Amino acid sequence: MTTATTAELLTVPEVMARLKLGRSTVYDLIRSRRLVSITVGRSRRIPADAVRTFIEHEMEVAA
């Protein structure tokens, strides 16, 4: 990770706000591996790039 964009890690509430989804839906996406995440200590973090990739993939599927 060399740039600020790729190094940006989001919390679940931040992802909820960006995707306009509920908490359980975000965790379901993480559990199903449709949304990549990492665990730091006891906290779940989602790379900003993973959110963009998720959105791009969903748009391709919808097209």
PDB file of N, CA and C in Angstrom:
ATOM      1  N   MET A   1       0.840  -1.169   0.000  1.00  0.00           N
ATOM      2  CA  MET A   1       0.000   0.000   0.000  1.00  0.00           C
ATOM      3  C   MET A   1       0.888   1.235   0.000  1.00  0.00           C
ATOM      4  N   THR A   2       0.878   1.928  -1.095  1.00  0.00           N
ATOM      5  CA  THR A   2       1.771   3.061  -1.185  1.00  0.00           C
ATOM      6  C   THR A   2       1.068   4.395  -1.246  1.00  0.00           C
ATOM      7  N   THR A   3      -0.195   4.424  -1.626  1.00  0.00           N
ATOM      8  CA  THR A   3      -0.901   5.696  -1.699  1.00  0.00           C
ATOM      9  C   THR A   3      -1.936   5.790  -0.598  1.00  0.00           C
ATOM     10  N   ALA A   4      -2.367   7.005  -0.335  1.00  0.00           N
ATOM     11  CA  ALA A   4      -3.379   7.215   0.701  1.00  0.00           C
ATOM     12  C   ALA A   4      -4.684   6.531   0.333  1.00  0.00           C
ATOM     13  N   THR A   5      -5.005   6.469  -0.949  1.00  0.00           N
ATOM     14  CA  THR A   5      -6.248   5.854  -1.396  1.00  0.00           C
ATOM     15  C   THR A   5      -6.265   4.365  -1.076  1.00  0.00           C
ATOM     16  N   THR A   6      -5.196   3.663  -1.386  1.00  0.00           N
ATOM     17  CA  THR A   6      -5.178   2.229  -1.140  1.00  0.00           C
ATOM     18  C   THR A   6      -5.006   1.916   0.338  1.00  0.00           C
ATOM     19  N   ALA A   7      -4.464   2.845   1.111  1.00  0.00           N
ATOM     20  CA  ALA A   7      -4.237   2.604   2.527  1.00  0.00           C
ATOM     21  C   ALA A   7      -5.460   2.949   3.373  1.00  0.00           C
ATOM     22  N   GLU A   8      -6.475   3.574   2.770  1.00  0.00           N
ATOM     23  CA  GLU A   8      -7.635   4.003   3.539  1.00  0.00           C
ATOM     24  C   GLU A   8      -8.471   2.806   3.973  1.00  0.00           C
ATOM     25  N   LEU A   9      -8.644   2.664   5.281  1.00  0.00           N
ATOM     26  CA  LEU A   9      -9.470   1.601   5.835  1.00  0.00           C
ATOM     27  C   LEU A   9     -10.713   2.224   6.446  1.00  0.00           C
ATOM     28  N   LEU A  10     -11.862   1.663   6.112  1.00  0.00           N
ATOM     29  CA  LEU A  10     -13.137   2.192   6.578  1.00  0.00           C
ATOM     30  C   LEU A  10     -13.726   1.297   7.654  1.00  0.00           C
ATOM     31  N   THR A  11     -14.468   1.905   8.560  1.00  0.00           N
ATOM     32  CA  THR A  11     -15.198   1.137   9.559  1.00  0.00           C
ATOM     33  C   THR A  11     -16.517   0.668   8.948  1.00  0.00           C
ATOM     34  N   VAL A  12     -17.175  -0.264   9.614  1.00  0.00           N
ATOM     35  CA  VAL A  12     -18.471  -0.740   9.136  1.00  0.00           C
ATOM     36  C   VAL A  12     -19.478   0.414   9.052  1.00  0.00           C
ATOM     37  N   PRO A  13     -19.577   1.292  10.061  1.00  0.00           N
ATOM     38  CA  PRO A  13     -20.515   2.415   9.927  1.00  0.00           C
ATOM     39  C   PRO A  13     -20.202   3.333   8.732  1.00  0.00           C
ATOM     40  N   GLU A  14     -18.918   3.519   8.427  1.00  0.00           N
ATOM     41  CA  GLU A  14     -18.552   4.342   7.267  1.00  0.00           C
ATOM     42  C   GLU A  14     -19.003   3.677   5.967  1.00  0.00           C
ATOM     43  N   VAL A  15     -18.840   2.358   5.883  1.00  0.00           N
ATOM     44  CA  VAL A  15     -19.290   1.621   4.700  1.00  0.00           C
ATOM     45  C   VAL A  15     -20.814   1.664   4.617  1.00  0.00           C
ATOM     46  N   MET A  16     -21.482   1.538   5.748  1.00  0.00           N
ATOM     47  CA  MET A  16     -22.939   1.635   5.769  1.00  0.00           C
ATOM     48  C   MET A  16     -23.388   2.964   5.170  1.00  0.00           C
ATOM     49  N   ALA A  17     -22.732   4.037   5.556  1.00  0.00           N
ATOM     50  CA  ALA A  17     -23.092   5.370   5.057  1.00  0.00           C
ATOM     51  C   ALA A  17     -22.800   5.502   3.566  1.00  0.00           C
ATOM     52  N   ARG A  18     -21.652   4.989   3.118  1.00  0.00           N
ATOM     53  CA  ARG A  18     -21.291   5.103   1.697  1.00  0.00           C
ATOM     54  C   ARG A  18     -22.220   4.304   0.800  1.00  0.00           C
ATOM     55  N   LEU A  19     -22.608   3.115   1.255  1.00  0.00           N
ATOM     56  CA  LEU A  19     -23.448   2.249   0.429  1.00  0.00           C
ATOM     57  C   LEU A  19     -24.935   2.419   0.731  1.00  0.00           C
ATOM     58  N   LYS A  20     -25.255   3.187   1.759  1.00  0.00           N
ATOM     59  CA  LYS A  20     -26.654   3.388   2.168  1.00  0.00           C
ATOM     60  C   LYS A  20     -27.322   2.044   2.485  1.00  0.00           C
ATOM     61  N   LEU A  21     -26.599   1.231   3.265  1.00  0.00           N
ATOM     62  CA  LEU A  21     -27.075  -0.090   3.661  1.00  0.00           C
ATOM     63  C   LEU A  21     -27.064  -0.199   5.174  1.00  0.00           C
ATOM     64  N   GLY A  22     -27.813  -1.154   5.677  1.00  0.00           N
ATOM     65  CA  GLY A  22     -27.849  -1.407   7.110  1.00  0.00           C
ATOM     66  C   GLY A  22     -26.656  -2.221   7.574  1.00  0.00           C
ATOM     67  N   ARG A  23     -26.466  -2.227   8.875  1.00  0.00           N
ATOM     68  CA  ARG A  23     -25.343  -2.935   9.496  1.00  0.00           C
ATOM     69  C   ARG A  23     -25.343  -4.428   9.152  1.00  0.00           C
ATOM     70  N   SER A  24     -26.488  -5.089   9.302  1.00  0.00           N
ATOM     71  CA  SER A  24     -26.533  -6.530   9.046  1.00  0.00           C
ATOM     72  C   SER A  24     -26.263  -6.841   7.578  1.00  0.00           C
ATOM     73  N   THR A  25     -26.690  -5.978   6.669  1.00  0.00           N
ATOM     74  CA  THR A  25     -26.429  -6.198   5.242  1.00  0.00           C
ATOM     75  C   THR A  25     -24.938  -6.101   4.952  1.00  0.00           C
ATOM     76  N   VAL A  26     -24.262  -5.123   5.550  1.00  0.00           N
ATOM     77  CA  VAL A  26     -22.812  -4.984   5.351  1.00  0.00           C
ATOM     78  C   VAL A  26     -22.097  -6.221   5.895  1.00  0.00           C
ATOM     79  N   TYR A  27     -22.492  -6.681   7.082  1.00  0.00           N
ATOM     80  CA  TYR A  27     -21.861  -7.885   7.626  1.00  0.00           C
ATOM     81  C   TYR A  27     -22.179  -9.118   6.778  1.00  0.00           C
ATOM     82  N   ASP A  28     -23.366  -9.196   6.207  1.00  0.00           N
ATOM     83  CA  ASP A  28     -23.695 -10.300   5.291  1.00  0.00           C
ATOM     84  C   ASP A  28     -22.792 -10.272   4.063  1.00  0.00           C
ATOM     85  N   LEU A  29     -22.530  -9.084   3.521  1.00  0.00           N
ATOM     86  CA  LEU A  29     -21.630  -8.958   2.371  1.00  0.00           C
ATOM     87  C   LEU A  29     -20.219  -9.399   2.741  1.00  0.00           C
ATOM     88  N   ILE A  30     -19.790  -9.071   3.944  1.00  0.00           N
ATOM     89  CA  ILE A  30     -18.463  -9.491   4.410  1.00  0.00           C
ATOM     90  C   ILE A  30     -18.435 -11.006   4.590  1.00  0.00           C
ATOM     91  N   ARG A  31     -19.469 -11.561   5.237  1.00  0.00           N
ATOM     92  CA  ARG A  31     -19.525 -13.013   5.470  1.00  0.00           C
ATOM     93  C   ARG A  31     -19.533 -13.800   4.169  1.00  0.00           C
ATOM     94  N   SER A  32     -20.241 -13.278   3.167  1.00  0.00           N
ATOM     95  CA  SER A  32     -20.330 -13.980   1.878  1.00  0.00           C
ATOM     96  C   SER A  32     -19.126 -13.705   0.982  1.00  0.00           C
ATOM     97  N   ARG A  33     -18.193 -12.903   1.494  1.00  0.00           N
ATOM     98  CA  ARG A  33     -16.957 -12.541   0.780  1.00  0.00           C
ATOM     99  C   ARG A  33     -17.210 -11.724  -0.485  1.00  0.00           C
ATOM    100  N   ARG A  34     -18.353 -11.084  -0.556  1.00  0.00           N
ATOM    101  CA  ARG A  34     -18.626 -10.162  -1.671  1.00  0.00           C
ATOM    102  C   ARG A  34     -17.976  -8.814  -1.394  1.00  0.00           C
ATOM    103  N   LEU A  35     -17.657  -8.561  -0.125  1.00  0.00           N
ATOM    104  CA  LEU A  35     -16.986  -7.336   0.293  1.00  0.00           C
ATOM    105  C   LEU A  35     -15.775  -7.744   1.124  1.00  0.00           C
ATOM    106  N   VAL A  36     -14.605  -7.394   0.656  1.00  0.00           N
ATOM    107  CA  VAL A  36     -13.356  -7.780   1.313  1.00  0.00           C
ATOM    108  C   VAL A  36     -13.171  -6.965   2.585  1.00  0.00           C
ATOM    109  N   SER A  37     -12.695  -7.622   3.626  1.00  0.00           N
ATOM    110  CA  SER A  37     -12.416  -6.910   4.874  1.00  0.00           C
ATOM    111  C   SER A  37     -11.248  -7.568   5.588  1.00  0.00           C
ATOM    112  N   ILE A  38     -10.709  -6.843   6.554  1.00  0.00           N
ATOM    113  CA  ILE A  38      -9.640  -7.380   7.400  1.00  0.00           C
ATOM    114  C   ILE A  38     -10.024  -7.131   8.847  1.00  0.00           C
ATOM    115  N   THR A  39      -9.388  -7.871   9.729  1.00  0.00           N
ATOM    116  CA  THR A  39      -9.604  -7.672  11.149  1.00  0.00           C
ATOM    117  C   THR A  39      -8.338  -7.081  11.746  1.00  0.00           C
ATOM    118  N   VAL A  40      -8.503  -5.982  12.449  1.00  0.00           N
ATOM    119  CA  VAL A  40      -7.396  -5.337  13.151  1.00  0.00           C
ATOM    120  C   VAL A  40      -7.760  -5.379  14.628  1.00  0.00           C
ATOM    121  N   GLY A  41      -7.082  -6.261  15.359  1.00  0.00           N
ATOM    122  CA  GLY A  41      -7.476  -6.481  16.751  1.00  0.00           C
ATOM    123  C   GLY A  41      -8.855  -7.107  16.770  1.00  0.00           C
ATOM    124  N   ARG A  42      -9.801  -6.421  17.398  1.00  0.00           N
ATOM    125  CA  ARG A  42     -11.185  -6.900  17.408  1.00  0.00           C
ATOM    126  C   ARG A  42     -12.062  -6.104  16.453  1.00  0.00           C
ATOM    127  N   SER A  43     -11.455  -5.228  15.676  1.00  0.00           N
ATOM    128  CA  SER A  43     -12.207  -4.345  14.789  1.00  0.00           C
ATOM    129  C   SER A  43     -12.163  -4.830  13.349  1.00  0.00           C
ATOM    130  N   ARG A  44     -13.271  -4.708  12.670  1.00  0.00           N
ATOM    131  CA  ARG A  44     -13.380  -5.060  11.252  1.00  0.00           C
ATOM    132  C   ARG A  44     -13.152  -3.796  10.443  1.00  0.00           C
ATOM    133  N   ARG A  45     -12.274  -3.868   9.443  1.00  0.00           N
ATOM    134  CA  ARG A  45     -11.993  -2.737   8.571  1.00  0.00           C
ATOM    135  C   ARG A  45     -12.121  -3.174   7.117  1.00  0.00           C
ATOM    136  N   ILE A  46     -12.640  -2.263   6.300  1.00  0.00           N
ATOM    137  CA  ILE A  46     -12.858  -2.543   4.880  1.00  0.00           C
ATOM    138  C   ILE A  46     -12.032  -1.545   4.079  1.00  0.00           C
ATOM    139  N   PRO A  47     -11.139  -2.028   3.217  1.00  0.00           N
ATOM    140  CA  PRO A  47     -10.364  -1.103   2.379  1.00  0.00           C
ATOM    141  C   PRO A  47     -11.301  -0.319   1.455  1.00  0.00           C
ATOM    142  N   ALA A  48     -11.020   0.965   1.287  1.00  0.00           N
ATOM    143  CA  ALA A  48     -11.841   1.803   0.408  1.00  0.00           C
ATOM    144  C   ALA A  48     -11.871   1.227  -1.009  1.00  0.00           C
ATOM    145  N   ASP A  49     -10.757   0.654  -1.449  1.00  0.00           N
ATOM    146  CA  ASP A  49     -10.708   0.032  -2.776  1.00  0.00           C
ATOM    147  C   ASP A  49     -11.690  -1.125  -2.881  1.00  0.00           C
ATOM    148  N   ALA A  50     -11.898  -1.847  -1.788  1.00  0.00           N
ATOM    149  CA  ALA A  50     -12.829  -2.974  -1.799  1.00  0.00           C
ATOM    150  C   ALA A  50     -14.261  -2.489  -1.995  1.00  0.00           C
ATOM    151  N   VAL A  51     -14.575  -1.341  -1.437  1.00  0.00           N
ATOM    152  CA  VAL A  51     -15.917  -0.773  -1.614  1.00  0.00           C
ATOM    153  C   VAL A  51     -16.107  -0.380  -3.085  1.00  0.00           C
ATOM    154  N   ARG A  52     -15.092   0.270  -3.664  1.00  0.00           N
ATOM    155  CA  ARG A  52     -15.171   0.654  -5.085  1.00  0.00           C
ATOM    156  C   ARG A  52     -15.287  -0.576  -5.977  1.00  0.00           C
ATOM    157  N   THR A  53     -14.511  -1.608  -5.679  1.00  0.00           N
ATOM    158  CA  THR A  53     -14.567  -2.847  -6.456  1.00  0.00           C
ATOM    159  C   THR A  53     -15.940  -3.487  -6.353  1.00  0.00           C
ATOM    160  N   PHE A  54     -16.505  -3.505  -5.164  1.00  0.00           N
ATOM    161  CA  PHE A  54     -17.843  -4.053  -4.951  1.00  0.00           C
ATOM    162  C   PHE A  54     -18.871  -3.310  -5.803  1.00  0.00           C
ATOM    163  N   ILE A  55     -18.814  -1.979  -5.771  1.00  0.00           N
ATOM    164  CA  ILE A  55     -19.766  -1.174  -6.538  1.00  0.00           C
ATOM    165  C   ILE A  55     -19.602  -1.441  -8.036  1.00  0.00           C
ATOM    166  N   GLU A  56     -18.368  -1.473  -8.520  1.00  0.00           N
ATOM    167  CA  GLU A  56     -18.111  -1.732  -9.943  1.00  0.00           C
ATOM    168  C   GLU A  56     -18.652  -3.111 -10.345  1.00  0.00           C
ATOM    169  N   HIS A  57     -18.408  -4.107  -9.510  1.00  0.00           N
ATOM    170  CA  HIS A  57     -18.890  -5.456  -9.814  1.00  0.00           C
ATOM    171  C   HIS A  57     -20.417  -5.499  -9.862  1.00  0.00           C
ATOM    172  N   GLU A  58     -21.045  -4.871  -8.894  1.00  0.00           N
ATOM    173  CA  GLU A  58     -22.513  -4.860  -8.865  1.00  0.00           C
ATOM    174  C   GLU A  58     -23.093  -4.141 -10.070  1.00  0.00           C
ATOM    175  N   MET A  59     -22.426  -3.107 -10.532  1.00  0.00           N
ATOM    176  CA  MET A  59     -22.889  -2.386 -11.719  1.00  0.00           C
ATOM    177  C   MET A  59     -22.749  -3.249 -12.971  1.00  0.00           C
ATOM    178  N   GLU A  60     -21.660  -4.021 -13.060  1.00  0.00           N
ATOM    179  CA  GLU A  60     -21.463  -4.926 -14.193  1.00  0.00           C
ATOM    180  C   GLU A  60     -22.536  -5.999 -14.206  1.00  0.00           C
ATOM    181  N   VAL A  61     -22.845  -6.554 -13.046  1.00  0.00           N
ATOM    182  CA  VAL A  61     -23.852  -7.601 -12.941  1.00  0.00           C
ATOM    183  C   VAL A  61     -25.237  -7.050 -13.320  1.00  0.00           C
ATOM    184  N   ALA A  62     -25.505  -5.818 -12.912  1.00  0.00           N
ATOM    185  CA  ALA A  62     -26.812  -5.216 -13.190  1.00  0.00           C
ATOM    186  C   ALA A  62     -26.991  -4.835 -14.662  1.00  0.00           C
ATOM    187  N   ALA A  63     -25.892  -4.645 -15.366  1.00  0.00           N
ATOM    188  CA  ALA A  63     -25.971  -4.203 -16.771  1.00  0.00           C
ATOM    189  C   ALA A  63     -26.394  -5.315 -17.711  1.00  0.00           C
TER     190      ALA A  63
END
